[in-house]
Amino acid sequence: EFRRVLFRSHMYKHIPAGAGLGGGSSDAACMIKLLNDKFSLGLSTERMEEYAVKLGADCSFFIRNKPVFATGIGNLFEPVELSLKD
């Protein structure tokens, strides 16, 4: 069954140009994940990453929220294992 839902959202964040903090990108990725969960869209991680990269080059990085080695425009990922051992 298909149902149409109207959803409006507005996010405003002021980060100085060149700050490079990823704050807006992580917010955009979080919104995609929230919509997927809230409306039970059933989007795969890969599909959410496809949507995210359309919003910004590094937005898809924040969908998985794991350490990765990113290439391309920040949308191609290879897993990275990190150790806390000295």
PDB file of N, CA and C in Angstrom:
ATOM      1  N   GLU A   1       0.839  -1.173   0.000  1.00  0.00           N
ATOM      2  CA  GLU A   1       0.000   0.000   0.000  1.00  0.00           C
ATOM      3  C   GLU A   1       0.884   1.236   0.000  1.00  0.00           C
ATOM      4  N   PHE A   2       0.573   2.154  -0.877  1.00  0.00           N
ATOM      5  CA  PHE A   2       1.343   3.391  -0.999  1.00  0.00           C
ATOM      6  C   PHE A   2       0.600   4.508  -0.289  1.00  0.00           C
ATOM      7  N   ARG A   3       1.292   5.244   0.530  1.00  0.00           N
ATOM      8  CA  ARG A   3       0.675   6.412   1.139  1.00  0.00           C
ATOM      9  C   ARG A   3       1.600   7.604   0.968  1.00  0.00           C
ATOM     10  N   ARG A   4       1.020   8.715   0.711  1.00  0.00           N
ATOM     11  CA  ARG A   4       1.782   9.941   0.514  1.00  0.00           C
ATOM     12  C   ARG A   4       1.742  10.733   1.814  1.00  0.00           C
ATOM     13  N   VAL A   5       2.892  11.190   2.236  1.00  0.00           N
ATOM     14  CA  VAL A   5       3.000  11.953   3.475  1.00  0.00           C
ATOM     15  C   VAL A   5       3.726  13.247   3.169  1.00  0.00           C
ATOM     16  N   LEU A   6       3.168  14.332   3.634  1.00  0.00           N
ATOM     17  CA  LEU A   6       3.843  15.613   3.482  1.00  0.00           C
ATOM     18  C   LEU A   6       4.706  15.838   4.717  1.00  0.00           C
ATOM     19  N   PHE A   7       5.961  16.085   4.486  1.00  0.00           N
ATOM     20  CA  PHE A   7       6.896  16.317   5.583  1.00  0.00           C
ATOM     21  C   PHE A   7       7.735  17.524   5.235  1.00  0.00           C
ATOM     22  N   ARG A   8       7.748  18.485   6.105  1.00  0.00           N
ATOM     23  CA  ARG A   8       8.581  19.672   5.900  1.00  0.00           C
ATOM     24  C   ARG A   8       9.546  19.797   7.059  1.00  0.00           C
ATOM     25  N   SER A   9      10.739  20.168   6.726  1.00  0.00           N
ATOM     26  CA  SER A   9      11.750  20.363   7.747  1.00  0.00           C
ATOM     27  C   SER A   9      12.656  21.495   7.315  1.00  0.00           C
ATOM     28  N   HIS A  10      13.115  22.253   8.259  1.00  0.00           N
ATOM     29  CA  HIS A  10      14.055  23.322   7.969  1.00  0.00           C
ATOM     30  C   HIS A  10      15.150  23.266   9.022  1.00  0.00           C
ATOM     31  N   MET A  11      16.369  23.143   8.558  1.00  0.00           N
ATOM     32  CA  MET A  11      17.506  23.166   9.471  1.00  0.00           C
ATOM     33  C   MET A  11      18.353  24.377   9.110  1.00  0.00           C
ATOM     34  N   TYR A  12      18.737  25.121  10.098  1.00  0.00           N
ATOM     35  CA  TYR A  12      19.615  26.256   9.892  1.00  0.00           C
ATOM     36  C   TYR A  12      20.801  26.100  10.821  1.00  0.00           C
ATOM     37  N   LYS A  13      21.973  26.184  10.233  1.00  0.00           N
ATOM     38  CA  LYS A  13      23.184  26.069  11.031  1.00  0.00           C
ATOM     39  C   LYS A  13      24.192  27.056  10.454  1.00  0.00           C
ATOM     40  N   HIS A  14      24.797  27.826  11.301  1.00  0.00           N
ATOM     41  CA  HIS A  14      25.787  28.784  10.839  1.00  0.00           C
ATOM     42  C   HIS A  14      27.178  28.316  11.259  1.00  0.00           C
ATOM     43  N   ILE A  15      27.948  27.907  10.272  1.00  0.00           N
ATOM     44  CA  ILE A  15      29.343  27.526  10.488  1.00  0.00           C
ATOM     45  C   ILE A  15      30.174  28.406   9.561  1.00  0.00           C
ATOM     46  N   PRO A  16      31.178  29.057  10.068  1.00  0.00           N
ATOM     47  CA  PRO A  16      31.990  29.932   9.216  1.00  0.00           C
ATOM     48  C   PRO A  16      32.553  29.188   8.008  1.00  0.00           C
ATOM     49  N   ALA A  17      32.616  29.870   6.876  1.00  0.00           N
ATOM     50  CA  ALA A  17      33.166  29.294   5.653  1.00  0.00           C
ATOM     51  C   ALA A  17      34.562  28.756   5.911  1.00  0.00           C
ATOM     52  N   GLY A  18      34.819  27.553   5.411  1.00  0.00           N
ATOM     53  CA  GLY A  18      36.130  26.944   5.549  1.00  0.00           C
ATOM     54  C   GLY A  18      36.383  26.270   6.878  1.00  0.00           C
ATOM     55  N   ALA A  19      35.375  26.223   7.727  1.00  0.00           N
ATOM     56  CA  ALA A  19      35.574  25.609   9.045  1.00  0.00           C
ATOM     57  C   ALA A  19      35.812  24.105   8.924  1.00  0.00           C
ATOM     58  N   GLY A  20      35.185  23.464   7.949  1.00  0.00           N
ATOM     59  CA  GLY A  20      35.429  22.046   7.685  1.00  0.00           C
ATOM     60  C   GLY A  20      35.054  21.116   8.818  1.00  0.00           C
ATOM     61  N   LEU A  21      34.024  21.426   9.549  1.00  0.00           N
ATOM     62  CA  LEU A  21      33.660  20.619  10.708  1.00  0.00           C
ATOM     63  C   LEU A  21      32.749  19.442  10.382  1.00  0.00           C
ATOM     64  N   GLY A  22      32.093  19.446   9.227  1.00  0.00           N
ATOM     65  CA  GLY A  22      31.193  18.360   8.863  1.00  0.00           C
ATOM     66  C   GLY A  22      29.868  18.411   9.602  1.00  0.00           C
ATOM     67  N   GLY A  23      29.596  19.483  10.306  1.00  0.00           N
ATOM     68  CA  GLY A  23      28.370  19.590  11.090  1.00  0.00           C
ATOM     69  C   GLY A  23      27.113  19.547  10.248  1.00  0.00           C
ATOM     70  N   GLY A  24      27.063  20.339   9.196  1.00  0.00           N
ATOM     71  CA  GLY A  24      25.900  20.357   8.309  1.00  0.00           C
ATOM     72  C   GLY A  24      25.739  19.040   7.586  1.00  0.00           C
ATOM     73  N   SER A  25      26.845  18.435   7.188  1.00  0.00           N
ATOM     74  CA  SER A  25      26.801  17.154   6.484  1.00  0.00           C
ATOM     75  C   SER A  25      26.289  16.039   7.387  1.00  0.00           C
ATOM     76  N   SER A  26      26.728  16.045   8.639  1.00  0.00           N
ATOM     77  CA  SER A  26      26.252  15.016   9.566  1.00  0.00           C
ATOM     78  C   SER A  26      24.782  15.240   9.899  1.00  0.00           C
ATOM     79  N   ASP A  27      24.349  16.500   9.970  1.00  0.00           N
ATOM     80  CA  ASP A  27      22.935  16.791  10.197  1.00  0.00           C
ATOM     81  C   ASP A  27      22.086  16.267   9.036  1.00  0.00           C
ATOM     82  N   ALA A  28      22.543  16.484   7.807  1.00  0.00           N
ATOM     83  CA  ALA A  28      21.805  16.012   6.631  1.00  0.00           C
ATOM     84  C   ALA A  28      21.697  14.490   6.635  1.00  0.00           C
ATOM     85  N   ALA A  29      22.797  13.808   6.944  1.00  0.00           N
ATOM     86  CA  ALA A  29      22.784  12.344   6.991  1.00  0.00           C
ATOM     87  C   ALA A  29      21.855  11.846   8.096  1.00  0.00           C
ATOM     88  N   CYS A  30      21.885  12.512   9.228  1.00  0.00           N
ATOM     89  CA  CYS A  30      21.015  12.142  10.342  1.00  0.00           C
ATOM     90  C   CYS A  30      19.548  12.297   9.952  1.00  0.00           C
ATOM     91  N   MET A  31      19.219  13.338   9.196  1.00  0.00           N
ATOM     92  CA  MET A  31      17.839  13.556   8.763  1.00  0.00           C
ATOM     93  C   MET A  31      17.391  12.440   7.823  1.00  0.00           C
ATOM     94  N   ILE A  32      18.253  12.012   6.929  1.00  0.00           N
ATOM     95  CA  ILE A  32      17.913  10.906   6.032  1.00  0.00           C
ATOM     96  C   ILE A  32      17.645   9.639   6.838  1.00  0.00           C
ATOM     97  N   LYS A  33      18.502   9.360   7.800  1.00  0.00           N
ATOM     98  CA  LYS A  33      18.310   8.167   8.646  1.00  0.00           C
ATOM     99  C   LYS A  33      17.039   8.278   9.483  1.00  0.00           C
ATOM    100  N   LEU A  34      16.766   9.476  10.000  1.00  0.00           N
ATOM    101  CA  LEU A  34      15.560   9.693  10.786  1.00  0.00           C
ATOM    102  C   LEU A  34      14.305   9.458   9.945  1.00  0.00           C
ATOM    103  N   LEU A  35      14.270  10.010   8.730  1.00  0.00           N
ATOM    104  CA  LEU A  35      13.118   9.820   7.849  1.00  0.00           C
ATOM    105  C   LEU A  35      12.934   8.356   7.484  1.00  0.00           C
ATOM    106  N   ASN A  36      14.039   7.664   7.247  1.00  0.00           N
ATOM    107  CA  ASN A  36      13.979   6.240   6.920  1.00  0.00           C
ATOM    108  C   ASN A  36      13.345   5.450   8.067  1.00  0.00           C
ATOM    109  N   ASP A  37      13.751   5.766   9.288  1.00  0.00           N
ATOM    110  CA  ASP A  37      13.204   5.073  10.462  1.00  0.00           C
ATOM    111  C   ASP A  37      11.764   5.494  10.757  1.00  0.00           C
ATOM    112  N   LYS A  38      11.518   6.794  10.781  1.00  0.00           N
ATOM    113  CA  LYS A  38      10.202   7.324  11.152  1.00  0.00           C
ATOM    114  C   LYS A  38       9.094   6.839  10.225  1.00  0.00           C
ATOM    115  N   PHE A  39       9.374   6.816   8.930  1.00  0.00           N
ATOM    116  CA  PHE A  39       8.358   6.447   7.954  1.00  0.00           C
ATOM    117  C   PHE A  39       8.528   5.023   7.431  1.00  0.00           C
ATOM    118  N   SER A  40       9.387   4.244   8.097  1.00  0.00           N
ATOM    119  CA  SER A  40       9.606   2.832   7.722  1.00  0.00           C
ATOM    120  C   SER A  40       9.797   2.673   6.213  1.00  0.00           C
ATOM    121  N   LEU A  41      10.728   3.446   5.663  1.00  0.00           N
ATOM    122  CA  LEU A  41      10.958   3.442   4.222  1.00  0.00           C
ATOM    123  C   LEU A  41      11.719   2.206   3.749  1.00  0.00           C
ATOM    124  N   GLY A  42      12.456   1.590   4.651  1.00  0.00           N
ATOM    125  CA  GLY A  42      13.201   0.384   4.283  1.00  0.00           C
ATOM    126  C   GLY A  42      14.366   0.639   3.345  1.00  0.00           C
ATOM    127  N   LEU A  43      14.925   1.841   3.394  1.00  0.00           N
ATOM    128  CA  LEU A  43      16.064   2.157   2.527  1.00  0.00           C
ATOM    129  C   LEU A  43      17.317   1.453   3.043  1.00  0.00           C
ATOM    130  N   SER A  44      18.064   0.865   2.134  1.00  0.00           N
ATOM    131  CA  SER A  44      19.331   0.243   2.510  1.00  0.00           C
ATOM    132  C   SER A  44      20.355   1.335   2.807  1.00  0.00           C
ATOM    133  N   THR A  45      21.417   0.946   3.477  1.00  0.00           N
ATOM    134  CA  THR A  45      22.510   1.884   3.750  1.00  0.00           C
ATOM    135  C   THR A  45      23.035   2.480   2.451  1.00  0.00           C
ATOM    136  N   GLU A  46      23.189   1.640   1.446  1.00  0.00           N
ATOM    137  CA  GLU A  46      23.716   2.100   0.158  1.00  0.00           C
ATOM    138  C   GLU A  46      22.783   3.118  -0.494  1.00  0.00           C
ATOM    139  N   ARG A  47      21.476   2.879  -0.407  1.00  0.00           N
ATOM    140  CA  ARG A  47      20.507   3.800  -1.001  1.00  0.00           C
ATOM    141  C   ARG A  47      20.515   5.135  -0.251  1.00  0.00           C
ATOM    142  N   MET A  48      20.613   5.080   1.080  1.00  0.00           N
ATOM    143  CA  MET A  48      20.695   6.320   1.847  1.00  0.00           C
ATOM    144  C   MET A  48      21.958   7.092   1.482  1.00  0.00           C
ATOM    145  N   GLU A  49      23.058   6.385   1.248  1.00  0.00           N
ATOM    146  CA  GLU A  49      24.302   7.043   0.831  1.00  0.00           C
ATOM    147  C   GLU A  49      24.136   7.712  -0.527  1.00  0.00           C
ATOM    148  N   GLU A  50      23.384   7.086  -1.431  1.00  0.00           N
ATOM    149  CA  GLU A  50      23.130   7.690  -2.745  1.00  0.00           C
ATOM    150  C   GLU A  50      22.360   9.000  -2.605  1.00  0.00           C
ATOM    151  N   TYR A  51      21.363   9.006  -1.730  1.00  0.00           N
ATOM    152  CA  TYR A  51      20.615  10.236  -1.494  1.00  0.00           C
ATOM    153  C   TYR A  51      21.509  11.282  -0.832  1.00  0.00           C
ATOM    154  N   ALA A  52      22.295  10.859   0.130  1.00  0.00           N
ATOM    155  CA  ALA A  52      23.130  11.786   0.888  1.00  0.00           C
ATOM    156  C   ALA A  52      24.150  12.494   0.016  1.00  0.00           C
ATOM    157  N   VAL A  53      24.773  11.778  -0.901  1.00  0.00           N
ATOM    158  CA  VAL A  53      25.817  12.397  -1.730  1.00  0.00           C
ATOM    159  C   VAL A  53      25.231  13.478  -2.640  1.00  0.00           C
ATOM    160  N   LYS A  54      23.935  13.411  -2.901  1.00  0.00           N
ATOM    161  CA  LYS A  54      23.292  14.463  -3.700  1.00  0.00           C
ATOM    162  C   LYS A  54      23.149  15.752  -2.909  1.00  0.00           C
ATOM    163  N   LEU A  55      23.174  15.648  -1.585  1.00  0.00           N
ATOM    164  CA  LEU A  55      23.083  16.831  -0.729  1.00  0.00           C
ATOM    165  C   LEU A  55      24.437  17.481  -0.504  1.00  0.00           C
ATOM    166  N   GLY A  56      25.495  16.701  -0.551  1.00  0.00           N
ATOM    167  CA  GLY A  56      26.843  17.221  -0.355  1.00  0.00           C
ATOM    168  C   GLY A  56      27.846  16.090  -0.472  1.00  0.00           C
ATOM    169  N   ALA A  57      29.032  16.412  -0.950  1.00  0.00           N
ATOM    170  CA  ALA A  57      30.037  15.387  -1.239  1.00  0.00           C
ATOM    171  C   ALA A  57      30.360  14.502  -0.041  1.00  0.00           C
ATOM    172  N   ASP A  58      30.410  15.073   1.164  1.00  0.00           N
ATOM    173  CA  ASP A  58      30.802  14.268   2.325  1.00  0.00           C
ATOM    174  C   ASP A  58      29.614  13.800   3.174  1.00  0.00           C
ATOM    175  N   CYS A  59      28.395  14.101   2.765  1.00  0.00           N
ATOM    176  CA  CYS A  59      27.223  13.706   3.562  1.00  0.00           C
ATOM    177  C   CYS A  59      27.104  12.195   3.707  1.00  0.00           C
ATOM    178  N   SER A  60      27.402  11.456   2.649  1.00  0.00           N
ATOM    179  CA  SER A  60      27.246   9.996   2.707  1.00  0.00           C
ATOM    180  C   SER A  60      28.200   9.361   3.717  1.00  0.00           C
ATOM    181  N   PHE A  61      29.313  10.015   4.011  1.00  0.00           N
ATOM    182  CA  PHE A  61      30.265   9.514   5.002  1.00  0.00           C
ATOM    183  C   PHE A  61      29.588   9.287   6.355  1.00  0.00           C
ATOM    184  N   PHE A  62      28.620  10.126   6.692  1.00  0.00           N
ATOM    185  CA  PHE A  62      27.993  10.083   8.010  1.00  0.00           C
ATOM    186  C   PHE A  62      26.834   9.091   8.111  1.00  0.00           C
ATOM    187  N   ILE A  63      26.458   8.449   7.020  1.00  0.00           N
ATOM    188  CA  ILE A  63      25.366   7.473   7.067  1.00  0.00           C
ATOM    189  C   ILE A  63      25.780   6.246   7.879  1.00  0.00           C
ATOM    190  N   ARG A  64      26.966   5.706   7.611  1.00  0.00           N
ATOM    191  CA  ARG A  64      27.418   4.492   8.315  1.00  0.00           C
ATOM    192  C   ARG A  64      27.927   4.784   9.716  1.00  0.00           C
ATOM    193  N   ASN A  65      28.498   5.955   9.887  1.00  0.00           N
ATOM    194  CA  ASN A  65      29.017   6.354  11.194  1.00  0.00           C
ATOM    195  C   ASN A  65      30.054   5.370  11.734  1.00  0.00           C
ATOM    196  N   LYS A  66      30.965   4.961  10.854  1.00  0.00           N
ATOM    197  CA  LYS A  66      32.063   4.052  11.209  1.00  0.00           C
ATOM    198  C   LYS A  66      33.346   4.582  10.581  1.00  0.00           C
ATOM    199  N   PRO A  67      34.487   4.194  11.128  1.00  0.00           N
ATOM    200  CA  PRO A  67      35.742   4.585  10.480  1.00  0.00           C
ATOM    201  C   PRO A  67      35.878   3.915   9.111  1.00  0.00           C
ATOM    202  N   VAL A  68      36.161   4.701   8.089  1.00  0.00           N
ATOM    203  CA  VAL A  68      36.361   4.185   6.737  1.00  0.00           C
ATOM    204  C   VAL A  68      37.458   4.991   6.055  1.00  0.00           C
ATOM    205  N   PHE A  69      37.997   4.420   4.988  1.00  0.00           N
ATOM    206  CA  PHE A  69      38.892   5.153   4.108  1.00  0.00           C
ATOM    207  C   PHE A  69      38.037   5.598   2.932  1.00  0.00           C
ATOM    208  N   ALA A  70      37.879   6.899   2.760  1.00  0.00           N
ATOM    209  CA  ALA A  70      37.001   7.435   1.721  1.00  0.00           C
ATOM    210  C   ALA A  70      37.810   7.903   0.524  1.00  0.00           C
ATOM    211  N   THR A  71      37.310   7.585  -0.659  1.00  0.00           N
ATOM    212  CA  THR A  71      37.915   8.053  -1.907  1.00  0.00           C
ATOM    213  C   THR A  71      36.796   8.639  -2.766  1.00  0.00           C
ATOM    214  N   GLY A  72      37.108   8.927  -4.013  1.00  0.00           N
ATOM    215  CA  GLY A  72      36.142   9.577  -4.891  1.00  0.00           C
ATOM    216  C   GLY A  72      35.932  10.995  -4.398  1.00  0.00           C
ATOM    217  N   ILE A  73      34.694  11.400  -4.296  1.00  0.00           N
ATOM    218  CA  ILE A  73      34.382  12.718  -3.742  1.00  0.00           C
ATOM    219  C   ILE A  73      33.986  12.589  -2.273  1.00  0.00           C
ATOM    220  N   GLY A  74      34.391  11.486  -1.676  1.00  0.00           N
ATOM    221  CA  GLY A  74      34.036  11.201  -0.290  1.00  0.00           C
ATOM    222  C   GLY A  74      32.868  10.255  -0.196  1.00  0.00           C
ATOM    223  N   ASN A  75      32.595   9.527  -1.285  1.00  0.00           N
ATOM    224  CA  ASN A  75      31.429   8.645  -1.317  1.00  0.00           C
ATOM    225  C   ASN A  75      31.765   7.179  -1.580  1.00  0.00           C
ATOM    226  N   LEU A  76      33.018   6.847  -1.752  1.00  0.00           N
ATOM    227  CA  LEU A  76      33.444   5.453  -1.946  1.00  0.00           C
ATOM    228  C   LEU A  76      34.216   5.033  -0.703  1.00  0.00           C
ATOM    229  N   PHE A  77      33.765   3.963  -0.054  1.00  0.00           N
ATOM    230  CA  PHE A  77      34.297   3.622   1.255  1.00  0.00           C
ATOM    231  C   PHE A  77      34.929   2.243   1.305  1.00  0.00           C
ATOM    232  N   GLU A  78      36.028   2.160   2.034  1.00  0.00           N
ATOM    233  CA  GLU A  78      36.662   0.885   2.357  1.00  0.00           C
ATOM    234  C   GLU A  78      36.760   0.807   3.877  1.00  0.00           C
ATOM    235  N   PRO A  79      36.388  -0.344   4.460  1.00  0.00           N
ATOM    236  CA  PRO A  79      36.446  -0.471   5.919  1.00  0.00           C
ATOM    237  C   PRO A  79      37.865  -0.281   6.448  1.00  0.00           C
ATOM    238  N   VAL A  80      37.962   0.256   7.641  1.00  0.00           N
ATOM    239  CA  VAL A  80      39.243   0.464   8.313  1.00  0.00           C
ATOM    240  C   VAL A  80      39.120  -0.100   9.725  1.00  0.00           C
ATOM    241  N   GLU A  81      40.091  -0.895  10.126  1.00  0.00           N
ATOM    242  CA  GLU A  81      40.114  -1.416  11.475  1.00  0.00           C
ATOM    243  C   GLU A  81      41.024  -0.551  12.323  1.00  0.00           C
ATOM    244  N   LEU A  82      40.510  -0.062  13.419  1.00  0.00           N
ATOM    245  CA  LEU A  82      41.298   0.777  14.316  1.00  0.00           C
ATOM    246  C   LEU A  82      41.485   0.040  15.632  1.00  0.00           C
ATOM    247  N   SER A  83      42.658   0.226  16.221  1.00  0.00           N
ATOM    248  CA  SER A  83      42.954  -0.398  17.495  1.00  0.00           C
ATOM    249  C   SER A  83      43.302   0.689  18.509  1.00  0.00           C
ATOM    250  N   LEU A  84      42.846   0.496  19.721  1.00  0.00           N
ATOM    251  CA  LEU A  84      43.165   1.453  20.777  1.00  0.00           C
ATOM    252  C   LEU A  84      44.435   1.065  21.526  1.00  0.00           C
ATOM    253  N   LYS A  85      45.081  -0.022  21.099  1.00  0.00           N
ATOM    254  CA  LYS A  85      46.327  -0.461  21.738  1.00  0.00           C
ATOM    255  C   LYS A  85      47.452   0.484  21.376  1.00  0.00           C
ATOM    256  N   ASP A  86      48.395   0.645  22.296  1.00  0.00           N
ATOM    257  CA  ASP A  86      49.577   1.492  22.043  1.00  0.00           C
ATOM    258  C   ASP A  86      50.587   0.750  21.221  1.00  0.00           C
TER     259      ASP A  86
END
